[in-house]
Amino acid sequence: MRWKGTASNRDAIGARVTVVAADEKPLLRELRAGGQFLGQNESVLHFGLGSGVNIIESVHVEWPSGAEQTLINVETNQLLDITEAN
């Protein structure tokens, strides 16, 4: 997933994303800027769900501005570009 903040910072640093797939535990990731000296984290979040998952029930995004978005019934094996809703 790639991000574009509108009300939040443009790179969506601090966004929290929860992915829920059928019969799986929810996966939570937070988009961060860097974690070590002279290091930079990638701005793409990857969720490894395994080969048995074909549909993601929901992708819930909590933007740094406090806004929230939820995508329902998302297909797997794709790169999503998500823009913060106004």
N, C-alpha and C. Protein backbone atom coordinates (compact mmCIF):
# COMPACT_ATOMS: atom_id res chain seq x y z
N MET A 1 0.84 -1.17 0.00
CA MET A 1 0.00 0.00 0.00
C MET A 1 0.88 1.24 0.00
N ARG A 2 0.54 2.16 -0.87
CA ARG A 2 1.23 3.45 -0.92
C ARG A 2 0.24 4.51 -0.47
N TRP A 3 0.74 5.60 0.06
CA TRP A 3 -0.09 6.59 0.75
C TRP A 3 0.09 7.99 0.22
N LYS A 4 -0.98 8.78 0.34
CA LYS A 4 -0.90 10.20 0.04
C LYS A 4 -1.84 10.92 1.00
N GLY A 5 -1.25 11.66 1.93
CA GLY A 5 -2.04 12.42 2.87
C GLY A 5 -2.49 13.73 2.26
N THR A 6 -3.67 14.20 2.62
CA THR A 6 -4.16 15.51 2.18
C THR A 6 -4.28 16.43 3.39
N ALA A 7 -5.05 16.06 4.39
CA ALA A 7 -5.14 16.83 5.62
C ALA A 7 -3.95 16.51 6.52
N SER A 8 -3.46 15.28 6.45
CA SER A 8 -2.27 14.86 7.20
C SER A 8 -1.04 15.24 6.39
N ASN A 9 0.14 14.88 6.89
CA ASN A 9 1.34 15.12 6.10
C ASN A 9 1.28 14.31 4.81
N ARG A 10 1.89 14.80 3.77
CA ARG A 10 1.78 14.20 2.43
C ARG A 10 2.22 12.74 2.38
N ASP A 11 3.25 12.38 3.16
CA ASP A 11 3.76 11.01 3.14
C ASP A 11 3.03 10.10 4.11
N ALA A 12 2.05 10.61 4.83
CA ALA A 12 1.21 9.84 5.75
C ALA A 12 2.01 9.20 6.88
N ILE A 13 3.14 9.80 7.26
CA ILE A 13 3.93 9.26 8.36
C ILE A 13 3.07 9.28 9.62
N GLY A 14 2.97 8.13 10.27
CA GLY A 14 2.15 8.00 11.47
C GLY A 14 0.81 7.34 11.23
N ALA A 15 0.47 7.05 9.97
CA ALA A 15 -0.79 6.38 9.66
C ALA A 15 -0.75 4.95 10.21
N ARG A 16 -1.87 4.50 10.76
CA ARG A 16 -1.99 3.13 11.28
C ARG A 16 -2.98 2.38 10.41
N VAL A 17 -2.59 1.17 9.98
CA VAL A 17 -3.40 0.39 9.06
C VAL A 17 -3.66 -0.99 9.66
N THR A 18 -4.94 -1.38 9.69
CA THR A 18 -5.33 -2.70 10.16
C THR A 18 -5.97 -3.46 9.01
N VAL A 19 -5.45 -4.66 8.74
CA VAL A 19 -5.98 -5.52 7.68
C VAL A 19 -6.62 -6.73 8.33
N VAL A 20 -7.88 -7.02 7.93
CA VAL A 20 -8.60 -8.18 8.45
C VAL A 20 -8.96 -9.09 7.29
N ALA A 21 -8.47 -10.33 7.35
CA ALA A 21 -8.80 -11.35 6.35
C ALA A 21 -9.58 -12.45 7.05
N ALA A 22 -10.41 -13.17 6.30
CA ALA A 22 -11.26 -14.22 6.87
C ALA A 22 -10.42 -15.26 7.61
N ASP A 23 -10.87 -15.62 8.80
CA ASP A 23 -10.23 -16.65 9.63
C ASP A 23 -8.78 -16.35 9.97
N GLU A 24 -8.38 -15.10 9.93
CA GLU A 24 -7.01 -14.71 10.28
C GLU A 24 -7.07 -13.64 11.37
N LYS A 25 -6.00 -13.53 12.14
CA LYS A 25 -5.91 -12.46 13.14
C LYS A 25 -5.69 -11.14 12.41
N PRO A 26 -6.24 -10.04 12.93
CA PRO A 26 -6.00 -8.73 12.31
C PRO A 26 -4.51 -8.39 12.34
N LEU A 27 -4.03 -7.79 11.27
CA LEU A 27 -2.63 -7.35 11.18
C LEU A 27 -2.59 -5.84 11.24
N LEU A 28 -1.72 -5.29 12.10
CA LEU A 28 -1.61 -3.84 12.29
C LEU A 28 -0.20 -3.41 11.92
N ARG A 29 -0.11 -2.36 11.12
CA ARG A 29 1.19 -1.76 10.77
C ARG A 29 1.06 -0.24 10.91
N GLU A 30 2.18 0.39 11.25
CA GLU A 30 2.22 1.85 11.33
C GLU A 30 3.31 2.34 10.39
N LEU A 31 2.98 3.35 9.61
CA LEU A 31 3.94 3.92 8.67
C LEU A 31 4.89 4.84 9.44
N ARG A 32 6.18 4.52 9.41
CA ARG A 32 7.18 5.29 10.15
C ARG A 32 8.22 5.87 9.20
N ALA A 33 8.91 6.89 9.68
CA ALA A 33 9.88 7.58 8.83
C ALA A 33 11.26 6.94 8.87
N GLY A 34 11.74 6.56 10.02
CA GLY A 34 13.08 6.00 10.13
C GLY A 34 13.26 5.34 11.47
N GLY A 35 14.14 4.37 11.55
CA GLY A 35 14.28 3.65 12.79
C GLY A 35 15.70 3.54 13.31
N GLN A 36 16.69 3.99 12.55
CA GLN A 36 18.07 3.88 12.99
C GLN A 36 18.89 5.02 12.41
N PHE A 37 20.11 5.14 12.85
CA PHE A 37 21.01 6.19 12.40
C PHE A 37 21.21 6.12 10.89
N LEU A 38 20.95 7.23 10.21
CA LEU A 38 21.08 7.36 8.76
C LEU A 38 20.23 6.34 8.00
N GLY A 39 19.13 5.92 8.61
CA GLY A 39 18.25 4.93 7.97
C GLY A 39 16.90 5.52 7.61
N GLN A 40 16.25 4.90 6.68
CA GLN A 40 14.92 5.33 6.23
C GLN A 40 14.07 4.10 5.98
N ASN A 41 12.87 4.07 6.55
CA ASN A 41 11.95 2.98 6.28
C ASN A 41 11.28 3.19 4.93
N GLU A 42 10.90 2.10 4.30
CA GLU A 42 10.18 2.17 3.04
C GLU A 42 8.78 2.72 3.30
N SER A 43 8.25 3.50 2.38
CA SER A 43 6.92 4.11 2.57
C SER A 43 5.79 3.19 2.09
N VAL A 44 6.12 1.98 1.66
CA VAL A 44 5.11 1.01 1.25
C VAL A 44 4.94 0.00 2.38
N LEU A 45 3.70 -0.23 2.79
CA LEU A 45 3.42 -1.24 3.81
C LEU A 45 3.07 -2.56 3.12
N HIS A 46 3.65 -3.64 3.59
CA HIS A 46 3.41 -4.96 3.02
C HIS A 46 2.75 -5.84 4.07
N PHE A 47 1.68 -6.52 3.69
CA PHE A 47 0.99 -7.45 4.57
C PHE A 47 1.06 -8.84 3.94
N GLY A 48 1.79 -9.75 4.55
CA GLY A 48 1.89 -11.11 4.05
C GLY A 48 0.76 -11.96 4.62
N LEU A 49 -0.19 -12.33 3.79
CA LEU A 49 -1.37 -13.04 4.24
C LEU A 49 -1.34 -14.53 3.94
N GLY A 50 -0.42 -14.99 3.14
CA GLY A 50 -0.35 -16.41 2.79
C GLY A 50 -1.16 -16.73 1.54
N SER A 51 -0.95 -17.91 1.02
CA SER A 51 -1.57 -18.29 -0.25
C SER A 51 -3.04 -18.66 -0.13
N GLY A 52 -3.54 -18.93 1.08
CA GLY A 52 -4.93 -19.34 1.25
C GLY A 52 -5.92 -18.20 1.30
N VAL A 53 -5.45 -16.96 1.32
CA VAL A 53 -6.34 -15.80 1.43
C VAL A 53 -6.50 -15.16 0.06
N ASN A 54 -7.76 -15.01 -0.39
CA ASN A 54 -8.04 -14.41 -1.69
C ASN A 54 -8.70 -13.04 -1.58
N ILE A 55 -9.44 -12.82 -0.50
CA ILE A 55 -10.14 -11.56 -0.28
C ILE A 55 -9.82 -11.03 1.11
N ILE A 56 -9.54 -9.75 1.19
CA ILE A 56 -9.34 -9.08 2.47
C ILE A 56 -10.68 -8.48 2.87
N GLU A 57 -11.18 -8.86 4.04
CA GLU A 57 -12.48 -8.36 4.48
C GLU A 57 -12.48 -6.85 4.64
N SER A 58 -11.43 -6.31 5.28
CA SER A 58 -11.39 -4.85 5.45
C SER A 58 -9.96 -4.36 5.61
N VAL A 59 -9.74 -3.14 5.12
CA VAL A 59 -8.50 -2.41 5.33
C VAL A 59 -8.92 -1.10 6.00
N HIS A 60 -8.53 -0.93 7.26
CA HIS A 60 -8.93 0.25 8.02
C HIS A 60 -7.70 1.14 8.22
N VAL A 61 -7.81 2.42 7.82
CA VAL A 61 -6.70 3.37 7.90
C VAL A 61 -7.07 4.47 8.90
N GLU A 62 -6.18 4.69 9.88
CA GLU A 62 -6.29 5.82 10.80
C GLU A 62 -5.19 6.80 10.42
N TRP A 63 -5.57 7.91 9.83
CA TRP A 63 -4.62 8.92 9.36
C TRP A 63 -4.12 9.75 10.54
N PRO A 64 -2.94 10.35 10.43
CA PRO A 64 -2.41 11.19 11.51
C PRO A 64 -3.32 12.37 11.86
N SER A 65 -4.15 12.82 10.93
CA SER A 65 -5.07 13.93 11.18
C SER A 65 -6.24 13.51 12.07
N GLY A 66 -6.42 12.19 12.26
CA GLY A 66 -7.56 11.67 13.02
C GLY A 66 -8.66 11.12 12.13
N ALA A 67 -8.58 11.40 10.84
CA ALA A 67 -9.57 10.87 9.90
C ALA A 67 -9.40 9.35 9.78
N GLU A 68 -10.49 8.67 9.46
CA GLU A 68 -10.46 7.22 9.29
C GLU A 68 -11.12 6.83 7.98
N GLN A 69 -10.59 5.79 7.34
CA GLN A 69 -11.15 5.25 6.11
C GLN A 69 -11.16 3.74 6.21
N THR A 70 -12.16 3.11 5.61
CA THR A 70 -12.23 1.65 5.57
C THR A 70 -12.56 1.20 4.16
N LEU A 71 -11.75 0.29 3.65
CA LEU A 71 -12.01 -0.34 2.36
C LEU A 71 -12.52 -1.75 2.65
N ILE A 72 -13.56 -2.18 1.94
CA ILE A 72 -14.20 -3.47 2.18
C ILE A 72 -13.99 -4.39 0.97
N ASN A 73 -13.83 -5.68 1.24
CA ASN A 73 -13.69 -6.72 0.20
C ASN A 73 -12.64 -6.36 -0.84
N VAL A 74 -11.40 -6.27 -0.41
CA VAL A 74 -10.28 -5.90 -1.26
C VAL A 74 -9.58 -7.18 -1.74
N GLU A 75 -9.29 -7.27 -3.02
CA GLU A 75 -8.58 -8.42 -3.56
C GLU A 75 -7.13 -8.39 -3.09
N THR A 76 -6.54 -9.59 -2.98
CA THR A 76 -5.14 -9.69 -2.56
C THR A 76 -4.22 -9.56 -3.77
N ASN A 77 -2.92 -9.62 -3.50
CA ASN A 77 -1.87 -9.58 -4.53
C ASN A 77 -1.95 -8.35 -5.42
N GLN A 78 -2.03 -7.19 -4.79
CA GLN A 78 -2.03 -5.94 -5.54
C GLN A 78 -1.41 -4.85 -4.70
N LEU A 79 -0.98 -3.79 -5.36
CA LEU A 79 -0.45 -2.62 -4.69
C LEU A 79 -1.53 -1.54 -4.70
N LEU A 80 -2.00 -1.16 -3.53
CA LEU A 80 -3.05 -0.14 -3.43
C LEU A 80 -2.43 1.24 -3.26
N ASP A 81 -2.96 2.22 -3.95
CA ASP A 81 -2.63 3.62 -3.74
C ASP A 81 -3.80 4.23 -3.00
N ILE A 82 -3.59 4.64 -1.76
CA ILE A 82 -4.67 5.16 -0.94
C ILE A 82 -4.42 6.64 -0.66
N THR A 83 -5.39 7.47 -1.01
CA THR A 83 -5.34 8.92 -0.76
C THR A 83 -6.31 9.25 0.35
N GLU A 84 -5.87 10.06 1.28
CA GLU A 84 -6.70 10.47 2.41
C GLU A 84 -7.93 11.21 1.89
N ALA A 85 -9.10 10.77 2.34
CA ALA A 85 -10.35 11.42 1.92
C ALA A 85 -10.48 12.78 2.59
N ASN A 86 -11.15 13.70 1.92
CA ASN A 86 -11.35 15.05 2.49
C ASN A 86 -12.47 15.05 3.49
